[in-house]
PDB file of N, CA and C in Angstrom:
ATOM      1  N   UNK A   1      -0.443   9.609 -16.344  1.00  0.00           N
ATOM      2  CA  UNK A   1      -1.527   9.579 -15.391  1.00  0.00           C
ATOM      3  C   UNK A   1      -0.990   8.963 -14.096  1.00  0.00           C
ATOM      4  N   UNK A   2      -1.282   9.598 -12.985  1.00  0.00           N
ATOM      5  CA  UNK A   2      -0.845   9.091 -11.685  1.00  0.00           C
ATOM      6  C   UNK A   2      -2.003   8.385 -10.999  1.00  0.00           C
ATOM      7  N   UNK A   3      -1.756   7.166 -10.569  1.00  0.00           N
ATOM      8  CA  UNK A   3      -2.739   6.366  -9.842  1.00  0.00           C
ATOM      9  C   UNK A   3      -2.447   6.462  -8.348  1.00  0.00           C
ATOM     10  N   UNK A   4      -3.495   6.599  -7.557  1.00  0.00           N
ATOM     11  CA  UNK A   4      -3.373   6.605  -6.107  1.00  0.00           C
ATOM     12  C   UNK A   4      -4.120   5.384  -5.582  1.00  0.00           C
ATOM     13  N   UNK A   5      -3.444   4.625  -4.731  1.00  0.00           N
ATOM     14  CA  UNK A   5      -4.020   3.410  -4.171  1.00  0.00           C
ATOM     15  C   UNK A   5      -4.038   3.549  -2.655  1.00  0.00           C
ATOM     16  N   UNK A   6      -5.179   3.296  -2.054  1.00  0.00           N
ATOM     17  CA  UNK A   6      -5.304   3.301  -0.600  1.00  0.00           C
ATOM     18  C   UNK A   6      -5.605   1.874  -0.158  1.00  0.00           C
ATOM     19  N   UNK A   7      -4.753   1.330   0.682  1.00  0.00           N
ATOM     20  CA  UNK A   7      -4.964   0.009   1.265  1.00  0.00           C
ATOM     21  C   UNK A   7      -5.322   0.193   2.731  1.00  0.00           C
ATOM     22  N   UNK A   8      -6.403  -0.426   3.180  1.00  0.00           N
ATOM     23  CA  UNK A   8      -6.734  -0.402   4.598  1.00  0.00           C
ATOM     24  C   UNK A   8      -6.317  -1.747   5.203  1.00  0.00           C
ATOM     25  N   UNK A   9      -5.761  -1.692   6.399  1.00  0.00           N
ATOM     26  CA  UNK A   9      -5.171  -2.866   7.031  1.00  0.00           C
ATOM     27  C   UNK A   9      -5.731  -3.092   8.424  1.00  0.00           C
ATOM     28  N   UNK A  10      -5.683  -4.363   8.840  1.00  0.00           N
ATOM     29  CA  UNK A  10      -6.018  -4.723  10.205  1.00  0.00           C
ATOM     30  C   UNK A  10      -4.893  -5.607  10.735  1.00  0.00           C
ATOM     31  N   UNK A  11      -4.227  -5.147  11.792  1.00  0.00           N
ATOM     32  CA  UNK A  11      -3.158  -5.927  12.407  1.00  0.00           C
ATOM     33  C   UNK A  11      -3.749  -6.864  13.446  1.00  0.00           C
ATOM     34  N   UNK A  12      -3.249  -8.088  13.466  1.00  0.00           N
ATOM     35  CA  UNK A  12      -3.742  -9.143  14.353  1.00  0.00           C
ATOM     36  C   UNK A  12      -3.130  -9.016  15.747  1.00  0.00           C
ATOM     37  N   UNK A  13      -3.771  -9.617  16.737  1.00  0.00           N
ATOM     38  CA  UNK A  13      -3.199  -9.633  18.087  1.00  0.00           C
ATOM     39  C   UNK A  13      -1.784 -10.225  18.122  1.00  0.00           C
ATOM     40  N   UNK A  14      -1.475 -11.153  17.215  1.00  0.00           N
ATOM     41  CA  UNK A  14      -0.126 -11.739  17.181  1.00  0.00           C
ATOM     42  C   UNK A  14       0.930 -10.676  16.911  1.00  0.00           C
ATOM     43  N   UNK A  15       0.588  -9.694  16.099  1.00  0.00           N
ATOM     44  CA  UNK A  15       1.514  -8.598  15.801  1.00  0.00           C
ATOM     45  C   UNK A  15       1.634  -7.674  17.012  1.00  0.00           C
ATOM     46  N   UNK A  16       0.501  -7.350  17.590  1.00  0.00           N
ATOM     47  CA  UNK A  16       0.486  -6.432  18.729  1.00  0.00           C
ATOM     48  C   UNK A  16       1.156  -7.040  19.957  1.00  0.00           C
ATOM     49  N   UNK A  17       1.209  -8.372  20.028  1.00  0.00           N
ATOM     50  CA  UNK A  17       1.862  -9.042  21.147  1.00  0.00           C
ATOM     51  C   UNK A  17       3.385  -8.944  21.074  1.00  0.00           C
ATOM     52  N   UNK A  18       3.922  -8.648  19.886  1.00  0.00           N
ATOM     53  CA  UNK A  18       5.368  -8.468  19.758  1.00  0.00           C
ATOM     54  C   UNK A  18       5.771  -7.141  20.387  1.00  0.00           C
ATOM     55  N   UNK A  19       6.973  -7.077  20.921  1.00  0.00           N
ATOM     56  CA  UNK A  19       7.460  -5.810  21.470  1.00  0.00           C
ATOM     57  C   UNK A  19       7.697  -4.831  20.321  1.00  0.00           C
ATOM     58  N   UNK A  20       7.782  -3.568  20.629  1.00  0.00           N
ATOM     59  CA  UNK A  20       8.034  -2.576  19.583  1.00  0.00           C
ATOM     60  C   UNK A  20       9.376  -2.836  18.890  1.00  0.00           C
ATOM     61  N   UNK A  21      10.372  -3.278  19.626  1.00  0.00           N
ATOM     62  CA  UNK A  21      11.671  -3.612  19.031  1.00  0.00           C
ATOM     63  C   UNK A  21      11.553  -4.809  18.091  1.00  0.00           C
ATOM     64  N   UNK A  22      10.754  -5.801  18.478  1.00  0.00           N
ATOM     65  CA  UNK A  22      10.555  -6.968  17.613  1.00  0.00           C
ATOM     66  C   UNK A  22       9.834  -6.568  16.328  1.00  0.00           C
ATOM     67  N   UNK A  23       8.842  -5.701  16.449  1.00  0.00           N
ATOM     68  CA  UNK A  23       8.114  -5.235  15.255  1.00  0.00           C
ATOM     69  C   UNK A  23       9.038  -4.454  14.331  1.00  0.00           C
ATOM     70  N   UNK A  24       9.858  -3.589  14.918  1.00  0.00           N
ATOM     71  CA  UNK A  24      10.799  -2.791  14.117  1.00  0.00           C
ATOM     72  C   UNK A  24      11.770  -3.705  13.375  1.00  0.00           C
ATOM     73  N   UNK A  25      12.286  -4.695  14.042  1.00  0.00           N
ATOM     74  CA  UNK A  25      13.213  -5.645  13.430  1.00  0.00           C
ATOM     75  C   UNK A  25      12.529  -6.440  12.320  1.00  0.00           C
ATOM     76  N   UNK A  26      11.319  -6.877  12.560  1.00  0.00           N
ATOM     77  CA  UNK A  26      10.526  -7.642  11.595  1.00  0.00           C
ATOM     78  C   UNK A  26      10.273  -6.806  10.340  1.00  0.00           C
ATOM     79  N   UNK A  27       9.844  -5.544  10.542  1.00  0.00           N
ATOM     80  CA  UNK A  27       9.602  -4.640   9.401  1.00  0.00           C
ATOM     81  C   UNK A  27      10.881  -4.464   8.596  1.00  0.00           C
ATOM     82  N   UNK A  28      12.007  -4.260   9.294  1.00  0.00           N
ATOM     83  CA  UNK A  28      13.280  -4.068   8.614  1.00  0.00           C
ATOM     84  C   UNK A  28      13.717  -5.281   7.821  1.00  0.00           C
ATOM     85  N   UNK A  29      13.402  -6.457   8.312  1.00  0.00           N
ATOM     86  CA  UNK A  29      13.813  -7.693   7.640  1.00  0.00           C
ATOM     87  C   UNK A  29      12.873  -8.088   6.506  1.00  0.00           C
ATOM     88  N   UNK A  30      11.567  -7.847   6.667  1.00  0.00           N
ATOM     89  CA  UNK A  30      10.595  -8.416   5.731  1.00  0.00           C
ATOM     90  C   UNK A  30       9.793  -7.420   4.900  1.00  0.00           C
ATOM     91  N   UNK A  31       9.549  -6.241   5.428  1.00  0.00           N
ATOM     92  CA  UNK A  31       8.632  -5.316   4.764  1.00  0.00           C
ATOM     93  C   UNK A  31       9.355  -4.182   4.050  1.00  0.00           C
ATOM     94  N   UNK A  32      10.244  -3.514   4.761  1.00  0.00           N
ATOM     95  CA  UNK A  32      10.922  -2.355   4.167  1.00  0.00           C
ATOM     96  C   UNK A  32      11.729  -2.690   2.919  1.00  0.00           C
ATOM     97  N   UNK A  33      12.362  -3.866   2.832  1.00  0.00           N
ATOM     98  CA  UNK A  33      13.074  -4.186   1.582  1.00  0.00           C
ATOM     99  C   UNK A  33      12.145  -4.227   0.355  1.00  0.00           C
ATOM    100  N   UNK A  34      10.910  -4.654   0.547  1.00  0.00           N
ATOM    101  CA  UNK A  34       9.963  -4.685  -0.574  1.00  0.00           C
ATOM    102  C   UNK A  34       9.620  -3.267  -1.007  1.00  0.00           C
ATOM    103  N   UNK A  35       9.289  -2.413  -0.048  1.00  0.00           N
ATOM    104  CA  UNK A  35       8.989  -1.020  -0.404  1.00  0.00           C
ATOM    105  C   UNK A  35      10.221  -0.343  -1.006  1.00  0.00           C
ATOM    106  N   UNK A  36      11.398  -0.654  -0.488  1.00  0.00           N
ATOM    107  CA  UNK A  36      12.637  -0.082  -1.018  1.00  0.00           C
ATOM    108  C   UNK A  36      12.893  -0.482  -2.457  1.00  0.00           C
ATOM    109  N   UNK A  37      12.571  -1.707  -2.790  1.00  0.00           N
ATOM    110  CA  UNK A  37      12.778  -2.212  -4.156  1.00  0.00           C
ATOM    111  C   UNK A  37      11.985  -1.401  -5.179  1.00  0.00           C
ATOM    112  N   UNK A  38      10.816  -0.918  -4.788  1.00  0.00           N
ATOM    113  CA  UNK A  38       9.941  -0.183  -5.715  1.00  0.00           C
ATOM    114  C   UNK A  38       9.898   1.315  -5.434  1.00  0.00           C
ATOM    115  N   UNK A  39      10.738   1.806  -4.539  1.00  0.00           N
ATOM    116  CA  UNK A  39      10.657   3.200  -4.083  1.00  0.00           C
ATOM    117  C   UNK A  39      10.766   4.221  -5.214  1.00  0.00           C
ATOM    118  N   UNK A  40      11.505   3.894  -6.259  1.00  0.00           N
ATOM    119  CA  UNK A  40      11.645   4.852  -7.370  1.00  0.00           C
ATOM    120  C   UNK A  40      10.458   4.787  -8.334  1.00  0.00           C
ATOM    121  N   UNK A  41       9.533   3.819  -8.142  1.00  0.00           N
ATOM    122  CA  UNK A  41       8.397   3.661  -9.042  1.00  0.00           C
ATOM    123  C   UNK A  41       7.047   3.728  -8.345  1.00  0.00           C
ATOM    124  N   UNK A  42       7.044   3.463  -7.030  1.00  0.00           N
ATOM    125  CA  UNK A  42       5.803   3.505  -6.258  1.00  0.00           C
ATOM    126  C   UNK A  42       6.081   4.247  -4.951  1.00  0.00           C
ATOM    127  N   UNK A  43       5.488   5.417  -4.818  1.00  0.00           N
ATOM    128  CA  UNK A  43       5.633   6.173  -3.576  1.00  0.00           C
ATOM    129  C   UNK A  43       4.719   5.575  -2.512  1.00  0.00           C
ATOM    130  N   UNK A  44       5.192   5.534  -1.278  1.00  0.00           N
ATOM    131  CA  UNK A  44       4.403   4.933  -0.201  1.00  0.00           C
ATOM    132  C   UNK A  44       4.417   5.821   1.037  1.00  0.00           C
ATOM    133  N   UNK A  45       3.238   5.983   1.624  1.00  0.00           N
ATOM    134  CA  UNK A  45       3.098   6.698   2.892  1.00  0.00           C
ATOM    135  C   UNK A  45       2.266   5.810   3.808  1.00  0.00           C
ATOM    136  N   UNK A  46       2.737   5.632   5.041  1.00  0.00           N
ATOM    137  CA  UNK A  46       2.073   4.759   6.006  1.00  0.00           C
ATOM    138  C   UNK A  46       1.335   5.602   7.041  1.00  0.00           C
ATOM    139  N   UNK A  47       0.128   5.170   7.394  1.00  0.00           N
ATOM    140  CA  UNK A  47      -0.702   5.928   8.325  1.00  0.00           C
ATOM    141  C   UNK A  47      -1.219   5.028   9.441  1.00  0.00           C
ATOM    142  N   UNK A  48      -1.317   5.594  10.621  1.00  0.00           N
ATOM    143  CA  UNK A  48      -1.839   4.931  11.806  1.00  0.00           C
ATOM    144  C   UNK A  48      -3.257   5.449  12.020  1.00  0.00           C
ATOM    145  N   UNK A  49      -4.252   4.567  12.011  1.00  0.00           N
ATOM    146  CA  UNK A  49      -5.640   5.003  12.046  1.00  0.00           C
ATOM    147  C   UNK A  49      -6.444   4.556  13.251  1.00  0.00           C
ATOM    148  N   UNK A  50      -5.924   3.640  14.083  1.00  0.00           N
ATOM    149  CA  UNK A  50      -6.786   3.029  15.098  1.00  0.00           C
ATOM    150  C   UNK A  50      -7.401   4.017  16.072  1.00  0.00           C
ATOM    151  N   UNK A  51      -6.780   5.136  16.297  1.00  0.00           N
ATOM    152  CA  UNK A  51      -7.370   6.126  17.204  1.00  0.00           C
ATOM    153  C   UNK A  51      -8.494   6.915  16.546  1.00  0.00           C
ATOM    154  N   UNK A  52      -8.617   6.776  15.229  1.00  0.00           N
ATOM    155  CA  UNK A  52      -9.569   7.599  14.492  1.00  0.00           C
ATOM    156  C   UNK A  52     -10.618   6.805  13.728  1.00  0.00           C
ATOM    157  N   UNK A  53     -10.399   5.497  13.586  1.00  0.00           N
ATOM    158  CA  UNK A  53     -11.307   4.700  12.763  1.00  0.00           C
ATOM    159  C   UNK A  53     -11.522   3.335  13.389  1.00  0.00           C
ATOM    160  N   UNK A  54     -12.760   2.867  13.421  1.00  0.00           N
ATOM    161  CA  UNK A  54     -13.063   1.584  14.063  1.00  0.00           C
ATOM    162  C   UNK A  54     -12.931   0.391  13.111  1.00  0.00           C
ATOM    163  N   UNK A  55     -12.974   0.623  11.804  1.00  0.00           N
ATOM    164  CA  UNK A  55     -12.992  -0.489  10.861  1.00  0.00           C
ATOM    165  C   UNK A  55     -11.613  -0.980  10.432  1.00  0.00           C
ATOM    166  N   UNK A  56     -10.591  -0.164  10.579  1.00  0.00           N
ATOM    167  CA  UNK A  56      -9.236  -0.584  10.237  1.00  0.00           C
ATOM    168  C   UNK A  56      -8.247   0.148  11.125  1.00  0.00           C
ATOM    169  N   UNK A  57      -7.067  -0.461  11.298  1.00  0.00           N
ATOM    170  CA  UNK A  57      -6.091   0.120  12.226  1.00  0.00           C
ATOM    171  C   UNK A  57      -5.032   0.960  11.534  1.00  0.00           C
ATOM    172  N   UNK A  58      -4.734   0.632  10.278  1.00  0.00           N
ATOM    173  CA  UNK A  58      -3.664   1.315   9.556  1.00  0.00           C
ATOM    174  C   UNK A  58      -4.040   1.413   8.088  1.00  0.00           C
ATOM    175  N   UNK A  59      -3.336   2.280   7.382  1.00  0.00           N
ATOM    176  CA  UNK A  59      -3.541   2.374   5.941  1.00  0.00           C
ATOM    177  C   UNK A  59      -2.226   2.739   5.268  1.00  0.00           C
ATOM    178  N   UNK A  60      -2.166   2.406   3.999  1.00  0.00           N
ATOM    179  CA  UNK A  60      -1.008   2.738   3.167  1.00  0.00           C
ATOM    180  C   UNK A  60      -1.527   3.494   1.957  1.00  0.00           C
ATOM    181  N   UNK A  61      -0.921   4.632   1.666  1.00  0.00           N
ATOM    182  CA  UNK A  61      -1.251   5.418   0.487  1.00  0.00           C
ATOM    183  C   UNK A  61      -0.100   5.259  -0.496  1.00  0.00           C
ATOM    184  N   UNK A  62      -0.406   4.730  -1.662  1.00  0.00           N
ATOM    185  CA  UNK A  62       0.609   4.480  -2.689  1.00  0.00           C
ATOM    186  C   UNK A  62       0.304   5.333  -3.907  1.00  0.00           C
ATOM    187  N   UNK A  63       1.354   5.774  -4.599  1.00  0.00           N
ATOM    188  CA  UNK A  63       1.184   6.518  -5.843  1.00  0.00           C
ATOM    189  C   UNK A  63       2.147   5.976  -6.877  1.00  0.00           C
ATOM    190  N   UNK A  64       1.633   5.809  -8.093  1.00  0.00           N
ATOM    191  CA  UNK A  64       2.471   5.322  -9.187  1.00  0.00           C
ATOM    192  C   UNK A  64       1.895   5.775 -10.519  1.00  0.00           C
ATOM    193  N   UNK A  65       2.744   5.844 -11.498  1.00  0.00           N
ATOM    194  CA  UNK A  65       2.281   6.135 -12.846  1.00  0.00           C
ATOM    195  C   UNK A  65       2.118   4.861 -13.659  1.00  0.00           C
ATOM    196  N   UNK A  66       2.509   3.742 -13.089  1.00  0.00           N
ATOM    197  CA  UNK A  66       2.437   2.461 -13.799  1.00  0.00           C
ATOM    198  C   UNK A  66       1.871   1.400 -12.866  1.00  0.00           C
ATOM    199  N   UNK A  67       0.617   1.014 -13.100  1.00  0.00           N
ATOM    200  CA  UNK A  67      -0.041   0.060 -12.215  1.00  0.00           C
ATOM    201  C   UNK A  67       0.674  -1.275 -12.129  1.00  0.00           C
ATOM    202  N   UNK A  68       1.450  -1.637 -13.141  1.00  0.00           N
ATOM    203  CA  UNK A  68       2.164  -2.919 -13.081  1.00  0.00           C
ATOM    204  C   UNK A  68       3.170  -2.940 -11.931  1.00  0.00           C
ATOM    205  N   UNK A  69       3.756  -1.799 -11.587  1.00  0.00           N
ATOM    206  CA  UNK A  69       4.689  -1.774 -10.458  1.00  0.00           C
ATOM    207  C   UNK A  69       3.947  -1.917  -9.132  1.00  0.00           C
ATOM    208  N   UNK A  70       2.779  -1.308  -9.039  1.00  0.00           N
ATOM    209  CA  UNK A  70       1.953  -1.516  -7.848  1.00  0.00           C
ATOM    210  C   UNK A  70       1.594  -2.990  -7.728  1.00  0.00           C
ATOM    211  N   UNK A  71       1.194  -3.609  -8.840  1.00  0.00           N
ATOM    212  CA  UNK A  71       0.823  -5.024  -8.837  1.00  0.00           C
ATOM    213  C   UNK A  71       1.988  -5.883  -8.336  1.00  0.00           C
ATOM    214  N   UNK A  72       3.183  -5.624  -8.835  1.00  0.00           N
ATOM    215  CA  UNK A  72       4.352  -6.403  -8.410  1.00  0.00           C
ATOM    216  C   UNK A  72       4.648  -6.193  -6.932  1.00  0.00           C
ATOM    217  N   UNK A  73       4.573  -4.956  -6.466  1.00  0.00           N
ATOM    218  CA  UNK A  73       4.780  -4.664  -5.048  1.00  0.00           C
ATOM    219  C   UNK A  73       3.739  -5.395  -4.208  1.00  0.00           C
ATOM    220  N   UNK A  74       2.479  -5.334  -4.614  1.00  0.00           N
ATOM    221  CA  UNK A  74       1.403  -5.980  -3.857  1.00  0.00           C
ATOM    222  C   UNK A  74       1.602  -7.492  -3.812  1.00  0.00           C
ATOM    223  N   UNK A  75       2.039  -8.084  -4.914  1.00  0.00           N
ATOM    224  CA  UNK A  75       2.279  -9.528  -4.933  1.00  0.00           C
ATOM    225  C   UNK A  75       3.412  -9.912  -3.988  1.00  0.00           C
ATOM    226  N   UNK A  76       4.460  -9.104  -3.955  1.00  0.00           N
ATOM    227  CA  UNK A  76       5.563  -9.395  -3.029  1.00  0.00           C
ATOM    228  C   UNK A  76       5.120  -9.235  -1.574  1.00  0.00           C
ATOM    229  N   UNK A  77       4.295  -8.234  -1.315  1.00  0.00           N
ATOM    230  CA  UNK A  77       3.770  -8.072   0.049  1.00  0.00           C
ATOM    231  C   UNK A  77       2.906  -9.269   0.446  1.00  0.00           C
ATOM    232  N   UNK A  78       2.119  -9.774  -0.491  1.00  0.00           N
ATOM    233  CA  UNK A  78       1.261 -10.938  -0.195  1.00  0.00           C
ATOM    234  C   UNK A  78       2.081 -12.161   0.172  1.00  0.00           C
ATOM    235  N   UNK A  79       3.280 -12.273  -0.401  1.00  0.00           N
ATOM    236  CA  UNK A  79       4.158 -13.408  -0.108  1.00  0.00           C
ATOM    237  C   UNK A  79       5.046 -13.169   1.108  1.00  0.00           C
ATOM    238  N   UNK A  80       5.003 -11.981   1.651  1.00  0.00           N
ATOM    239  CA  UNK A  80       5.833 -11.589   2.791  1.00  0.00           C
ATOM    240  C   UNK A  80       5.319 -12.254   4.070  1.00  0.00           C
ATOM    241  N   UNK A  81       6.214 -12.644   4.983  1.00  0.00           N
ATOM    242  CA  UNK A  81       5.779 -13.272   6.240  1.00  0.00           C
ATOM    243  C   UNK A  81       4.765 -12.443   7.036  1.00  0.00           C
ATOM    244  N   UNK A  82       4.790 -11.135   6.891  1.00  0.00           N
ATOM    245  CA  UNK A  82       3.824 -10.310   7.616  1.00  0.00           C
ATOM    246  C   UNK A  82       2.395 -10.749   7.284  1.00  0.00           C
ATOM    247  N   UNK A  83       2.142 -11.061   6.012  1.00  0.00           N
ATOM    248  CA  UNK A  83       0.819 -11.519   5.606  1.00  0.00           C
ATOM    249  C   UNK A  83       0.684 -13.033   5.712  1.00  0.00           C
ATOM    250  N   UNK A  84       1.702 -13.771   5.288  1.00  0.00           N
ATOM    251  CA  UNK A  84       1.580 -15.230   5.290  1.00  0.00           C
ATOM    252  C   UNK A  84       1.501 -15.808   6.693  1.00  0.00           C
ATOM    253  N   UNK A  85       2.066 -15.114   7.665  1.00  0.00           N
ATOM    254  CA  UNK A  85       1.988 -15.571   9.051  1.00  0.00           C
ATOM    255  C   UNK A  85       0.757 -15.018   9.772  1.00  0.00           C
ATOM    256  N   UNK A  86      -0.053 -14.255   9.060  1.00  0.00           N
ATOM    257  CA  UNK A  86      -1.314 -13.775   9.610  1.00  0.00           C
ATOM    258  C   UNK A  86      -1.227 -12.576  10.538  1.00  0.00           C
ATOM    259  N   UNK A  87      -0.124 -11.823  10.484  1.00  0.00           N
ATOM    260  CA  UNK A  87       0.008 -10.653  11.357  1.00  0.00           C
ATOM    261  C   UNK A  87      -0.829  -9.469  10.878  1.00  0.00           C
ATOM    262  N   UNK A  88      -1.131  -9.448   9.588  1.00  0.00           N
ATOM    263  CA  UNK A  88      -1.913  -8.336   9.037  1.00  0.00           C
ATOM    264  C   UNK A  88      -2.810  -8.859   7.920  1.00  0.00           C
ATOM    265  N   UNK A  89      -3.958  -8.182   7.776  1.00  0.00           N
ATOM    266  CA  UNK A  89      -4.880  -8.470   6.679  1.00  0.00           C
ATOM    267  C   UNK A  89      -5.138  -7.180   5.918  1.00  0.00           C
ATOM    268  N   UNK A  90      -5.108  -7.275   4.597  1.00  0.00           N
ATOM    269  CA  UNK A  90      -5.513  -6.138   3.771  1.00  0.00           C
ATOM    270  C   UNK A  90      -7.029  -6.217   3.663  1.00  0.00           C
ATOM    271  N   UNK A  91      -7.703  -5.190   4.152  1.00  0.00           N
ATOM    272  CA  UNK A  91      -9.161  -5.207   4.167  1.00  0.00           C
ATOM    273  C   UNK A  91      -9.759  -4.712   2.859  1.00  0.00           C
ATOM    274  N   UNK A  92      -9.257  -3.580   2.386  1.00  0.00           N
ATOM    275  CA  UNK A  92      -9.795  -3.010   1.153  1.00  0.00           C
ATOM    276  C   UNK A  92      -8.690  -2.322   0.372  1.00  0.00           C
ATOM    277  N   UNK A  93      -8.919  -2.228  -0.913  1.00  0.00           N
ATOM    278  CA  UNK A  93      -7.996  -1.540  -1.812  1.00  0.00           C
ATOM    279  C   UNK A  93      -8.819  -0.592  -2.683  1.00  0.00           C
ATOM    280  N   UNK A  94      -8.462   0.669  -2.653  1.00  0.00           N
ATOM    281  CA  UNK A  94      -9.152   1.678  -3.460  1.00  0.00           C
ATOM    282  C   UNK A  94      -8.142   2.261  -4.449  1.00  0.00           C
ATOM    283  N   UNK A  95      -8.459   2.227  -5.712  1.00  0.00           N
ATOM    284  CA  UNK A  95      -7.574   2.797  -6.732  1.00  0.00           C
ATOM    285  C   UNK A  95      -8.303   3.961  -7.376  1.00  0.00           C
ATOM    286  N   UNK A  96      -7.586   5.070  -7.509  1.00  0.00           N
ATOM    287  CA  UNK A  96      -8.206   6.259  -8.088  1.00  0.00           C
ATOM    288  C   UNK A  96      -7.193   7.039  -8.914  1.00  0.00           C
ATOM    289  N   UNK A  97      -7.728   7.967  -9.677  1.00  0.00           N
ATOM    290  CA  UNK A  97      -6.919   8.877 -10.480  1.00  0.00           C
ATOM    291  C   UNK A  97      -7.269  10.292 -10.041  1.00  0.00           C
ATOM    292  N   UNK A  98      -6.256  11.030  -9.616  1.00  0.00           N
ATOM    293  CA  UNK A  98      -6.491  12.398  -9.171  1.00  0.00           C
ATOM    294  C   UNK A  98      -6.926  13.262 -10.352  1.00  0.00           C
ATOM    295  N   UNK A  99      -7.972  14.029 -10.145  1.00  0.00           N
ATOM    296  CA  UNK A  99      -8.501  14.934 -11.171  1.00  0.00           C
ATOM    297  C   UNK A  99      -8.764  14.220 -12.492  1.00  0.00           C
ATOM    298  N   UNK A 100      -9.306  13.015 -12.406  1.00  0.00           N
ATOM    299  CA  UNK A 100      -9.605  12.239 -13.608  1.00  0.00           C
ATOM    300  C   UNK A 100     -10.515  12.965 -14.578  1.00  0.00           C
ATOM    301  N   UNK A 101     -11.385  13.809 -14.062  1.00  0.00           N
ATOM    302  CA  UNK A 101     -12.292  14.562 -14.929  1.00  0.00           C
ATOM    303  C   UNK A 101     -11.523  15.477 -15.878  1.00  0.00           C
ATOM    304  N   UNK A 102     -10.285  15.841 -15.496  1.00  0.00           N
ATOM    305  CA  UNK A 102      -9.432  16.641 -16.385  1.00  0.00           C
ATOM    306  C   UNK A 102      -8.558  15.735 -17.248  1.00  0.00           C
ATOM    307  N   UNK A 103      -8.041  14.697 -16.628  1.00  0.00           N
ATOM    308  CA  UNK A 103      -7.064  13.830 -17.285  1.00  0.00           C
ATOM    309  C   UNK A 103      -7.676  13.016 -18.409  1.00  0.00           C
ATOM    310  N   UNK A 104      -8.860  12.455 -18.203  1.00  0.00           N
ATOM    311  CA  UNK A 104      -9.461  11.575 -19.197  1.00  0.00           C
ATOM    312  C   UNK A 104      -9.716  12.291 -20.516  1.00  0.00           C
ATOM    313  N   UNK A 105     -10.340  13.457 -20.543  1.00  0.00           N
ATOM    314  CA  UNK A 105     -10.550  14.127 -21.842  1.00  0.00           C
ATOM    315  C   UNK A 105      -9.235  14.458 -22.555  1.00  0.00           C
ATOM    316  N   UNK A 106      -8.218  14.878 -21.800  1.00  0.00           N
ATOM    317  CA  UNK A 106      -6.917  15.188 -22.412  1.00  0.00           C
ATOM    318  C   UNK A 106      -6.280  13.933 -22.994  1.00  0.00           C
ATOM    319  N   UNK A 107      -6.343  12.834 -22.259  1.00  0.00           N
ATOM    320  CA  UNK A 107      -5.762  11.572 -22.733  1.00  0.00           C
ATOM    321  C   UNK A 107      -6.539  11.055 -23.944  1.00  0.00           C
ATOM    322  N   UNK A 108      -7.862  11.155 -23.921  1.00  0.00           N
ATOM    323  CA  UNK A 108      -8.669  10.717 -25.045  1.00  0.00           C
ATOM    324  C   UNK A 108      -8.383  11.531 -26.300  1.00  0.00           C
ATOM    325  N   UNK A 109      -8.196  12.829 -26.129  1.00  0.00           N
ATOM    326  CA  UNK A 109      -7.874  13.700 -27.274  1.00  0.00           C
ATOM    327  C   UNK A 109      -6.504  13.328 -27.844  1.00  0.00           C
ATOM    328  N   UNK A 110      -5.552  13.044 -26.976  1.00  0.00           N
ATOM    329  CA  UNK A 110      -4.195  12.679 -27.446  1.00  0.00           C
ATOM    330  C   UNK A 110      -4.239  11.351 -28.195  1.00  0.00           C
ATOM    331  N   UNK A 111      -5.047  10.416 -27.750  1.00  0.00           N
ATOM    332  CA  UNK A 111      -5.162   9.111 -28.433  1.00  0.00           C
ATOM    333  C   UNK A 111      -5.840   9.231 -29.776  1.00  0.00           C
ATOM    334  N   UNK A 112      -6.732  10.196 -29.906  1.00  0.00           N
ATOM    335  CA  UNK A 112      -7.491  10.382 -31.153  1.00  0.00           C
ATOM    336  C   UNK A 112      -6.615  10.958 -32.268  1.00  0.00           C
ATOM    337  N   UNK A 113      -5.486  11.538 -31.899  1.00  0.00           N
ATOM    338  CA  UNK A 113      -4.634  12.176 -32.917  1.00  0.00           C
ATOM    339  C   UNK A 113      -3.886  11.170 -33.736  1.00  0.00           C
TER     340      UNK A 113
END
């Protein structure tokens, strides 16, 4: 079963005050290594939303077959300076299963055997 997680984010003025080069360097030092560590177990796509949505500025779409890897990635992100220094806040987390209406009956039947 594949789980899809959508995280909505709000970046603080402290982040936006950094130059684009400073942000790129910061991401390379603190954020990308975490995503890289889990890249073979948790797929990640980053989205820019501020031009299209008033409630959040960015979002991350994650996919995994094992929620424990998402949990570990999320815990490492929470300890990352990007969050601990207040540059970004995770506003909401949505977890779903694609086509669950098909997957659940098949999984239940397999467990019953």
